[in-house]
Amino acid sequence: MPNIKSAIKRVKTTHTAEERNISQKNEMRTAVRRAKAATEANADNKADLVSFALKKVDKAAQSNLIHKNKAARIKSSLMTAAK
């Protein structure tokens, strides 16, 4: 544990940012999983789930949680599966 006051604050802020990032990434993964499951099952609300997943993927890429190319790849696979 750091002794310097500013270092203590940095540890605290880093920890909260890490929790926020992990939470956002997990929400994105869950949304993508649900959208894929809905498209495979041909559910009634698959369009809503796919658009929600695309929104989550875009937000994750925007905040640099995932690379923009990975986001494009995920979005492409979702859109292909939704057809």
PDB file of N, CA and C in Angstrom:
ATOM      1  N   MET A   1       0.851  -1.182   0.000  1.00  0.00           N
ATOM      2  CA  MET A   1       0.000   0.000   0.000  1.00  0.00           C
ATOM      3  C   MET A   1       0.893   1.241   0.000  1.00  0.00           C
ATOM      4  N   PRO A   2       0.570   2.222  -0.840  1.00  0.00           N
ATOM      5  CA  PRO A   2       1.406   3.419  -0.916  1.00  0.00           C
ATOM      6  C   PRO A   2       1.287   4.296   0.331  1.00  0.00           C
ATOM      7  N   ASN A   3       2.335   5.058   0.569  1.00  0.00           N
ATOM      8  CA  ASN A   3       2.374   5.957   1.720  1.00  0.00           C
ATOM      9  C   ASN A   3       2.010   7.379   1.351  1.00  0.00           C
ATOM     10  N   ILE A   4       2.259   7.753   0.107  1.00  0.00           N
ATOM     11  CA  ILE A   4       2.020   9.128  -0.336  1.00  0.00           C
ATOM     12  C   ILE A   4       0.533   9.323  -0.593  1.00  0.00           C
ATOM     13  N   LYS A   5       0.029  10.499  -0.174  1.00  0.00           N
ATOM     14  CA  LYS A   5      -1.404  10.773  -0.230  1.00  0.00           C
ATOM     15  C   LYS A   5      -1.949  10.701  -1.664  1.00  0.00           C
ATOM     16  N   SER A   6      -1.225  11.278  -2.602  1.00  0.00           N
ATOM     17  CA  SER A   6      -1.700  11.260  -3.990  1.00  0.00           C
ATOM     18  C   SER A   6      -1.698   9.843  -4.556  1.00  0.00           C
ATOM     19  N   ALA A   7      -0.735   9.035  -4.151  1.00  0.00           N
ATOM     20  CA  ALA A   7      -0.687   7.648  -4.617  1.00  0.00           C
ATOM     21  C   ALA A   7      -1.847   6.847  -4.040  1.00  0.00           C
ATOM     22  N   ILE A   8      -2.208   7.129  -2.800  1.00  0.00           N
ATOM     23  CA  ILE A   8      -3.359   6.470  -2.173  1.00  0.00           C
ATOM     24  C   ILE A   8      -4.634   6.811  -2.947  1.00  0.00           C
ATOM     25  N   LYS A   9      -4.759   8.097  -3.322  1.00  0.00           N
ATOM     26  CA  LYS A   9      -5.927   8.530  -4.090  1.00  0.00           C
ATOM     27  C   LYS A   9      -5.958   7.853  -5.460  1.00  0.00           C
ATOM     28  N   ARG A  10      -4.782   7.728  -6.099  1.00  0.00           N
ATOM     29  CA  ARG A  10      -4.730   7.092  -7.410  1.00  0.00           C
ATOM     30  C   ARG A  10      -5.154   5.623  -7.337  1.00  0.00           C
ATOM     31  N   VAL A  11      -4.741   4.935  -6.270  1.00  0.00           N
ATOM     32  CA  VAL A  11      -5.144   3.541  -6.096  1.00  0.00           C
ATOM     33  C   VAL A  11      -6.663   3.453  -5.984  1.00  0.00           C
ATOM     34  N   LYS A  12      -7.225   4.379  -5.230  1.00  0.00           N
ATOM     35  CA  LYS A  12      -8.675   4.391  -5.027  1.00  0.00           C
ATOM     36  C   LYS A  12      -9.417   4.661  -6.344  1.00  0.00           C
ATOM     37  N   THR A  13      -8.975   5.666  -7.091  1.00  0.00           N
ATOM     38  CA  THR A  13      -9.657   5.997  -8.345  1.00  0.00           C
ATOM     39  C   THR A  13      -9.463   4.909  -9.392  1.00  0.00           C
ATOM     40  N   THR A  14      -8.270   4.314  -9.406  1.00  0.00           N
ATOM     41  CA  THR A  14      -8.018   3.223 -10.340  1.00  0.00           C
ATOM     42  C   THR A  14      -8.929   2.046 -10.053  1.00  0.00           C
ATOM     43  N   HIS A  15      -9.110   1.761  -8.780  1.00  0.00           N
ATOM     44  CA  HIS A  15      -9.973   0.647  -8.388  1.00  0.00           C
ATOM     45  C   HIS A  15     -11.423   0.892  -8.813  1.00  0.00           C
ATOM     46  N   THR A  16     -11.928   2.100  -8.597  1.00  0.00           N
ATOM     47  CA  THR A  16     -13.313   2.387  -8.998  1.00  0.00           C
ATOM     48  C   THR A  16     -13.464   2.364 -10.511  1.00  0.00           C
ATOM     49  N   ALA A  17     -12.460   2.886 -11.238  1.00  0.00           N
ATOM     50  CA  ALA A  17     -12.522   2.868 -12.699  1.00  0.00           C
ATOM     51  C   ALA A  17     -12.474   1.437 -13.219  1.00  0.00           C
ATOM     52  N   GLU A  18     -11.656   0.602 -12.592  1.00  0.00           N
ATOM     53  CA  GLU A  18     -11.553  -0.793 -12.994  1.00  0.00           C
ATOM     54  C   GLU A  18     -12.878  -1.515 -12.792  1.00  0.00           C
ATOM     55  N   GLU A  19     -13.534  -1.268 -11.663  1.00  0.00           N
ATOM     56  CA  GLU A  19     -14.839  -1.879 -11.414  1.00  0.00           C
ATOM     57  C   GLU A  19     -15.870  -1.435 -12.442  1.00  0.00           C
ATOM     58  N   ARG A  20     -15.850  -0.141 -12.766  1.00  0.00           N
ATOM     59  CA  ARG A  20     -16.786   0.398 -13.752  1.00  0.00           C
ATOM     60  C   ARG A  20     -16.545  -0.233 -15.118  1.00  0.00           C
ATOM     61  N   ASN A  21     -15.286  -0.346 -15.516  1.00  0.00           N
ATOM     62  CA  ASN A  21     -14.944  -0.925 -16.817  1.00  0.00           C
ATOM     63  C   ASN A  21     -15.347  -2.394 -16.902  1.00  0.00           C
ATOM     64  N   ILE A  22     -15.070  -3.147 -15.846  1.00  0.00           N
ATOM     65  CA  ILE A  22     -15.425  -4.565 -15.829  1.00  0.00           C
ATOM     66  C   ILE A  22     -16.942  -4.732 -15.919  1.00  0.00           C
ATOM     67  N   SER A  23     -17.659  -3.884 -15.201  1.00  0.00           N
ATOM     68  CA  SER A  23     -19.115  -3.951 -15.218  1.00  0.00           C
ATOM     69  C   SER A  23     -19.657  -3.671 -16.617  1.00  0.00           C
ATOM     70  N   GLN A  24     -19.123  -2.632 -17.254  1.00  0.00           N
ATOM     71  CA  GLN A  24     -19.588  -2.266 -18.592  1.00  0.00           C
ATOM     72  C   GLN A  24     -19.260  -3.362 -19.603  1.00  0.00           C
ATOM     73  N   LYS A  25     -18.086  -3.952 -19.478  1.00  0.00           N
ATOM     74  CA  LYS A  25     -17.689  -5.016 -20.389  1.00  0.00           C
ATOM     75  C   LYS A  25     -18.563  -6.250 -20.205  1.00  0.00           C
ATOM     76  N   ASN A  26     -18.898  -6.571 -18.950  1.00  0.00           N
ATOM     77  CA  ASN A  26     -19.775  -7.715 -18.684  1.00  0.00           C
ATOM     78  C   ASN A  26     -21.170  -7.480 -19.237  1.00  0.00           C
ATOM     79  N   GLU A  27     -21.685  -6.250 -19.100  1.00  0.00           N
ATOM     80  CA  GLU A  27     -23.000  -5.923 -19.663  1.00  0.00           C
ATOM     81  C   GLU A  27     -22.990  -6.094 -21.177  1.00  0.00           C
ATOM     82  N   MET A  28     -21.886  -5.678 -21.817  1.00  0.00           N
ATOM     83  CA  MET A  28     -21.775  -5.812 -23.257  1.00  0.00           C
ATOM     84  C   MET A  28     -21.783  -7.283 -23.659  1.00  0.00           C
ATOM     85  N   ARG A  29     -20.990  -8.093 -22.971  1.00  0.00           N
ATOM     86  CA  ARG A  29     -20.920  -9.522 -23.285  1.00  0.00           C
ATOM     87  C   ARG A  29     -22.277 -10.195 -23.107  1.00  0.00           C
ATOM     88  N   THR A  30     -22.978  -9.843 -22.041  1.00  0.00           N
ATOM     89  CA  THR A  30     -24.291 -10.423 -21.777  1.00  0.00           C
ATOM     90  C   THR A  30     -25.279 -10.034 -22.870  1.00  0.00           C
ATOM     91  N   ALA A  31     -25.240  -8.768 -23.288  1.00  0.00           N
ATOM     92  CA  ALA A  31     -26.144  -8.301 -24.335  1.00  0.00           C
ATOM     93  C   ALA A  31     -25.876  -9.033 -25.643  1.00  0.00           C
ATOM     94  N   VAL A  32     -24.609  -9.229 -25.972  1.00  0.00           N
ATOM     95  CA  VAL A  32     -24.255  -9.938 -27.206  1.00  0.00           C
ATOM     96  C   VAL A  32     -24.712 -11.389 -27.127  1.00  0.00           C
ATOM     97  N   ARG A  33     -24.499 -12.010 -25.976  1.00  0.00           N
ATOM     98  CA  ARG A  33     -24.913 -13.410 -25.795  1.00  0.00           C
ATOM     99  C   ARG A  33     -26.424 -13.551 -25.942  1.00  0.00           C
ATOM    100  N   ARG A  34     -27.168 -12.632 -25.342  1.00  0.00           N
ATOM    101  CA  ARG A  34     -28.633 -12.689 -25.436  1.00  0.00           C
ATOM    102  C   ARG A  34     -29.105 -12.463 -26.866  1.00  0.00           C
ATOM    103  N   ALA A  35     -28.459 -11.544 -27.573  1.00  0.00           N
ATOM    104  CA  ALA A  35     -28.840 -11.265 -28.953  1.00  0.00           C
ATOM    105  C   ALA A  35     -28.578 -12.472 -29.838  1.00  0.00           C
ATOM    106  N   LYS A  36     -27.432 -13.130 -29.651  1.00  0.00           N
ATOM    107  CA  LYS A  36     -27.125 -14.325 -30.447  1.00  0.00           C
ATOM    108  C   LYS A  36     -28.109 -15.446 -30.156  1.00  0.00           C
ATOM    109  N   ALA A  37     -28.447 -15.609 -28.873  1.00  0.00           N
ATOM    110  CA  ALA A  37     -29.402 -16.654 -28.505  1.00  0.00           C
ATOM    111  C   ALA A  37     -30.779 -16.365 -29.110  1.00  0.00           C
ATOM    112  N   ALA A  38     -31.170 -15.102 -29.114  1.00  0.00           N
ATOM    113  CA  ALA A  38     -32.473 -14.734 -29.675  1.00  0.00           C
ATOM    114  C   ALA A  38     -32.516 -14.950 -31.177  1.00  0.00           C
ATOM    115  N   THR A  39     -31.417 -14.655 -31.869  1.00  0.00           N
ATOM    116  CA  THR A  39     -31.408 -14.861 -33.316  1.00  0.00           C
ATOM    117  C   THR A  39     -31.408 -16.347 -33.668  1.00  0.00           C
ATOM    118  N   GLU A  40     -30.709 -17.153 -32.857  1.00  0.00           N
ATOM    119  CA  GLU A  40     -30.711 -18.596 -33.117  1.00  0.00           C
ATOM    120  C   GLU A  40     -32.086 -19.206 -32.871  1.00  0.00           C
ATOM    121  N   ALA A  41     -32.778 -18.691 -31.840  1.00  0.00           N
ATOM    122  CA  ALA A  41     -34.102 -19.208 -31.517  1.00  0.00           C
ATOM    123  C   ALA A  41     -35.200 -18.523 -32.326  1.00  0.00           C
ATOM    124  N   ASN A  42     -34.813 -17.515 -33.118  1.00  0.00           N
ATOM    125  CA  ASN A  42     -35.763 -16.734 -33.915  1.00  0.00           C
ATOM    126  C   ASN A  42     -36.865 -16.152 -33.031  1.00  0.00           C
ATOM    127  N   ALA A  43     -36.461 -15.510 -31.958  1.00  0.00           N
ATOM    128  CA  ALA A  43     -37.404 -14.933 -30.998  1.00  0.00           C
ATOM    129  C   ALA A  43     -38.075 -13.689 -31.584  1.00  0.00           C
ATOM    130  N   ASP A  44     -39.185 -13.303 -30.955  1.00  0.00           N
ATOM    131  CA  ASP A  44     -39.936 -12.143 -31.427  1.00  0.00           C
ATOM    132  C   ASP A  44     -39.178 -10.842 -31.197  1.00  0.00           C
ATOM    133  N   ASN A  45     -38.435 -10.756 -30.113  1.00  0.00           N
ATOM    134  CA  ASN A  45     -37.761  -9.504 -29.759  1.00  0.00           C
ATOM    135  C   ASN A  45     -36.290  -9.489 -30.183  1.00  0.00           C
ATOM    136  N   LYS A  46     -35.938 -10.258 -31.200  1.00  0.00           N
ATOM    137  CA  LYS A  46     -34.528 -10.339 -31.591  1.00  0.00           C
ATOM    138  C   LYS A  46     -34.015  -9.013 -32.145  1.00  0.00           C
ATOM    139  N   ALA A  47     -34.844  -8.242 -32.809  1.00  0.00           N
ATOM    140  CA  ALA A  47     -34.406  -6.951 -33.348  1.00  0.00           C
ATOM    141  C   ALA A  47     -34.049  -5.986 -32.215  1.00  0.00           C
ATOM    142  N   ASP A  48     -34.861  -5.984 -31.169  1.00  0.00           N
ATOM    143  CA  ASP A  48     -34.584  -5.121 -30.021  1.00  0.00           C
ATOM    144  C   ASP A  48     -33.301  -5.539 -29.318  1.00  0.00           C
ATOM    145  N   LEU A  49     -33.122  -6.853 -29.139  1.00  0.00           N
ATOM    146  CA  LEU A  49     -31.928  -7.340 -28.457  1.00  0.00           C
ATOM    147  C   LEU A  49     -30.668  -7.081 -29.272  1.00  0.00           C
ATOM    148  N   VAL A  50     -30.763  -7.205 -30.585  1.00  0.00           N
ATOM    149  CA  VAL A  50     -29.603  -6.944 -31.442  1.00  0.00           C
ATOM    150  C   VAL A  50     -29.239  -5.464 -31.403  1.00  0.00           C
ATOM    151  N   SER A  51     -30.224  -4.590 -31.479  1.00  0.00           N
ATOM    152  CA  SER A  51     -29.922  -3.151 -31.442  1.00  0.00           C
ATOM    153  C   SER A  51     -29.352  -2.750 -30.085  1.00  0.00           C
ATOM    154  N   PHE A  52     -29.849  -3.357 -29.013  1.00  0.00           N
ATOM    155  CA  PHE A  52     -29.314  -3.074 -27.675  1.00  0.00           C
ATOM    156  C   PHE A  52     -27.864  -3.546 -27.572  1.00  0.00           C
ATOM    157  N   ALA A  53     -27.589  -4.722 -28.120  1.00  0.00           N
ATOM    158  CA  ALA A  53     -26.218  -5.248 -28.095  1.00  0.00           C
ATOM    159  C   ALA A  53     -25.280  -4.373 -28.924  1.00  0.00           C
ATOM    160  N   LEU A  54     -25.754  -3.902 -30.072  1.00  0.00           N
ATOM    161  CA  LEU A  54     -24.933  -3.015 -30.900  1.00  0.00           C
ATOM    162  C   LEU A  54     -24.610  -1.726 -30.158  1.00  0.00           C
ATOM    163  N   LYS A  55     -25.579  -1.219 -29.430  1.00  0.00           N
ATOM    164  CA  LYS A  55     -25.363  -0.007 -28.645  1.00  0.00           C
ATOM    165  C   LYS A  55     -24.306  -0.243 -27.566  1.00  0.00           C
ATOM    166  N   LYS A  56     -24.393  -1.377 -26.891  1.00  0.00           N
ATOM    167  CA  LYS A  56     -23.418  -1.701 -25.841  1.00  0.00           C
ATOM    168  C   LYS A  56     -22.014  -1.884 -26.421  1.00  0.00           C
ATOM    169  N   VAL A  57     -21.927  -2.519 -27.581  1.00  0.00           N
ATOM    170  CA  VAL A  57     -20.632  -2.725 -28.227  1.00  0.00           C
ATOM    171  C   VAL A  57     -20.029  -1.377 -28.634  1.00  0.00           C
ATOM    172  N   ASP A  58     -20.854  -0.499 -29.186  1.00  0.00           N
ATOM    173  CA  ASP A  58     -20.371   0.827 -29.574  1.00  0.00           C
ATOM    174  C   ASP A  58     -19.857   1.607 -28.369  1.00  0.00           C
ATOM    175  N   LYS A  59     -20.586   1.540 -27.259  1.00  0.00           N
ATOM    176  CA  LYS A  59     -20.166   2.246 -26.052  1.00  0.00           C
ATOM    177  C   LYS A  59     -18.847   1.689 -25.521  1.00  0.00           C
ATOM    178  N   ALA A  60     -18.685   0.370 -25.573  1.00  0.00           N
ATOM    179  CA  ALA A  60     -17.447  -0.246 -25.097  1.00  0.00           C
ATOM    180  C   ALA A  60     -16.262   0.154 -25.970  1.00  0.00           C
ATOM    181  N   ALA A  61     -16.479   0.220 -27.263  1.00  0.00           N
ATOM    182  CA  ALA A  61     -15.406   0.631 -28.175  1.00  0.00           C
ATOM    183  C   ALA A  61     -15.080   2.112 -27.998  1.00  0.00           C
ATOM    184  N   GLN A  62     -16.106   2.896 -27.744  1.00  0.00           N
ATOM    185  CA  GLN A  62     -15.922   4.330 -27.570  1.00  0.00           C
ATOM    186  C   GLN A  62     -15.089   4.645 -26.326  1.00  0.00           C
ATOM    187  N   SER A  63     -15.273   3.858 -25.272  1.00  0.00           N
ATOM    188  CA  SER A  63     -14.523   4.080 -24.040  1.00  0.00           C
ATOM    189  C   SER A  63     -13.271   3.209 -23.973  1.00  0.00           C
ATOM    190  N   ASN A  64     -12.841   2.658 -25.120  1.00  0.00           N
ATOM    191  CA  ASN A  64     -11.608   1.873 -25.252  1.00  0.00           C
ATOM    192  C   ASN A  64     -11.569   0.630 -24.372  1.00  0.00           C
ATOM    193  N   LEU A  65     -12.715   0.053 -24.093  1.00  0.00           N
ATOM    194  CA  LEU A  65     -12.734  -1.211 -23.372  1.00  0.00           C
ATOM    195  C   LEU A  65     -12.406  -2.368 -24.312  1.00  0.00           C
ATOM    196  N   ILE A  66     -12.821  -2.223 -25.561  1.00  0.00           N
ATOM    197  CA  ILE A  66     -12.456  -3.185 -26.593  1.00  0.00           C
ATOM    198  C   ILE A  66     -11.935  -2.393 -27.786  1.00  0.00           C
ATOM    199  N   HIS A  67     -11.155  -3.048 -28.618  1.00  0.00           N
ATOM    200  CA  HIS A  67     -10.588  -2.388 -29.789  1.00  0.00           C
ATOM    201  C   HIS A  67     -11.688  -2.137 -30.817  1.00  0.00           C
ATOM    202  N   LYS A  68     -11.525  -1.075 -31.597  1.00  0.00           N
ATOM    203  CA  LYS A  68     -12.568  -0.728 -32.572  1.00  0.00           C
ATOM    204  C   LYS A  68     -12.752  -1.814 -33.624  1.00  0.00           C
ATOM    205  N   ASN A  69     -11.674  -2.526 -33.962  1.00  0.00           N
ATOM    206  CA  ASN A  69     -11.809  -3.613 -34.936  1.00  0.00           C
ATOM    207  C   ASN A  69     -12.575  -4.789 -34.349  1.00  0.00           C
ATOM    208  N   LYS A  70     -12.374  -5.055 -33.065  1.00  0.00           N
ATOM    209  CA  LYS A  70     -13.128  -6.123 -32.411  1.00  0.00           C
ATOM    210  C   LYS A  70     -14.603  -5.750 -32.353  1.00  0.00           C
ATOM    211  N   ALA A  71     -14.875  -4.477 -32.080  1.00  0.00           N
ATOM    212  CA  ALA A  71     -16.260  -4.007 -32.053  1.00  0.00           C
ATOM    213  C   ALA A  71     -16.907  -4.196 -33.421  1.00  0.00           C
ATOM    214  N   ALA A  72     -16.176  -3.861 -34.466  1.00  0.00           N
ATOM    215  CA  ALA A  72     -16.701  -4.020 -35.825  1.00  0.00           C
ATOM    216  C   ALA A  72     -16.959  -5.480 -36.134  1.00  0.00           C
ATOM    217  N   ARG A  73     -16.062  -6.347 -35.664  1.00  0.00           N
ATOM    218  CA  ARG A  73     -16.213  -7.779 -35.905  1.00  0.00           C
ATOM    219  C   ARG A  73     -17.443  -8.326 -35.184  1.00  0.00           C
ATOM    220  N   ILE A  74     -17.645  -7.907 -33.941  1.00  0.00           N
ATOM    221  CA  ILE A  74     -18.808  -8.351 -33.166  1.00  0.00           C
ATOM    222  C   ILE A  74     -20.094  -7.864 -33.825  1.00  0.00           C
ATOM    223  N   LYS A  75     -20.108  -6.584 -34.212  1.00  0.00           N
ATOM    224  CA  LYS A  75     -21.291  -6.015 -34.840  1.00  0.00           C
ATOM    225  C   LYS A  75     -21.613  -6.709 -36.159  1.00  0.00           C
ATOM    226  N   SER A  76     -20.572  -7.018 -36.911  1.00  0.00           N
ATOM    227  CA  SER A  76     -20.774  -7.690 -38.196  1.00  0.00           C
ATOM    228  C   SER A  76     -21.380  -9.073 -37.995  1.00  0.00           C
ATOM    229  N   SER A  77     -20.870  -9.806 -37.007  1.00  0.00           N
ATOM    230  CA  SER A  77     -21.399 -11.147 -36.774  1.00  0.00           C
ATOM    231  C   SER A  77     -22.836 -11.094 -36.272  1.00  0.00           C
ATOM    232  N   LEU A  78     -23.154 -10.085 -35.462  1.00  0.00           N
ATOM    233  CA  LEU A  78     -24.536  -9.929 -34.981  1.00  0.00           C
ATOM    234  C   LEU A  78     -25.488  -9.608 -36.134  1.00  0.00           C
ATOM    235  N   MET A  79     -25.072  -8.707 -36.988  1.00  0.00           N
ATOM    236  CA  MET A  79     -25.923  -8.314 -38.097  1.00  0.00           C
ATOM    237  C   MET A  79     -26.096  -9.464 -39.101  1.00  0.00           C
ATOM    238  N   THR A  80     -25.044 -10.233 -39.307  1.00  0.00           N
ATOM    239  CA  THR A  80     -25.148 -11.383 -40.197  1.00  0.00           C
ATOM    240  C   THR A  80     -26.093 -12.430 -39.625  1.00  0.00           C
ATOM    241  N   ALA A  81     -25.995 -12.654 -38.320  1.00  0.00           N
ATOM    242  CA  ALA A  81     -26.859 -13.650 -37.683  1.00  0.00           C
ATOM    243  C   ALA A  81     -28.314 -13.181 -37.641  1.00  0.00           C
ATOM    244  N   ALA A  82     -28.522 -11.875 -37.598  1.00  0.00           N
ATOM    245  CA  ALA A  82     -29.881 -11.337 -37.504  1.00  0.00           C
ATOM    246  C   ALA A  82     -30.631 -11.412 -38.828  1.00  0.00           C
ATOM    247  N   LYS A  83     -29.932 -11.579 -39.926  1.00  0.00           N
ATOM    248  CA  LYS A  83     -30.600 -11.630 -41.232  1.00  0.00           C
ATOM    249  C   LYS A  83     -31.418 -12.861 -41.411  1.00  0.00           C
TER     250      LYS A  83
END
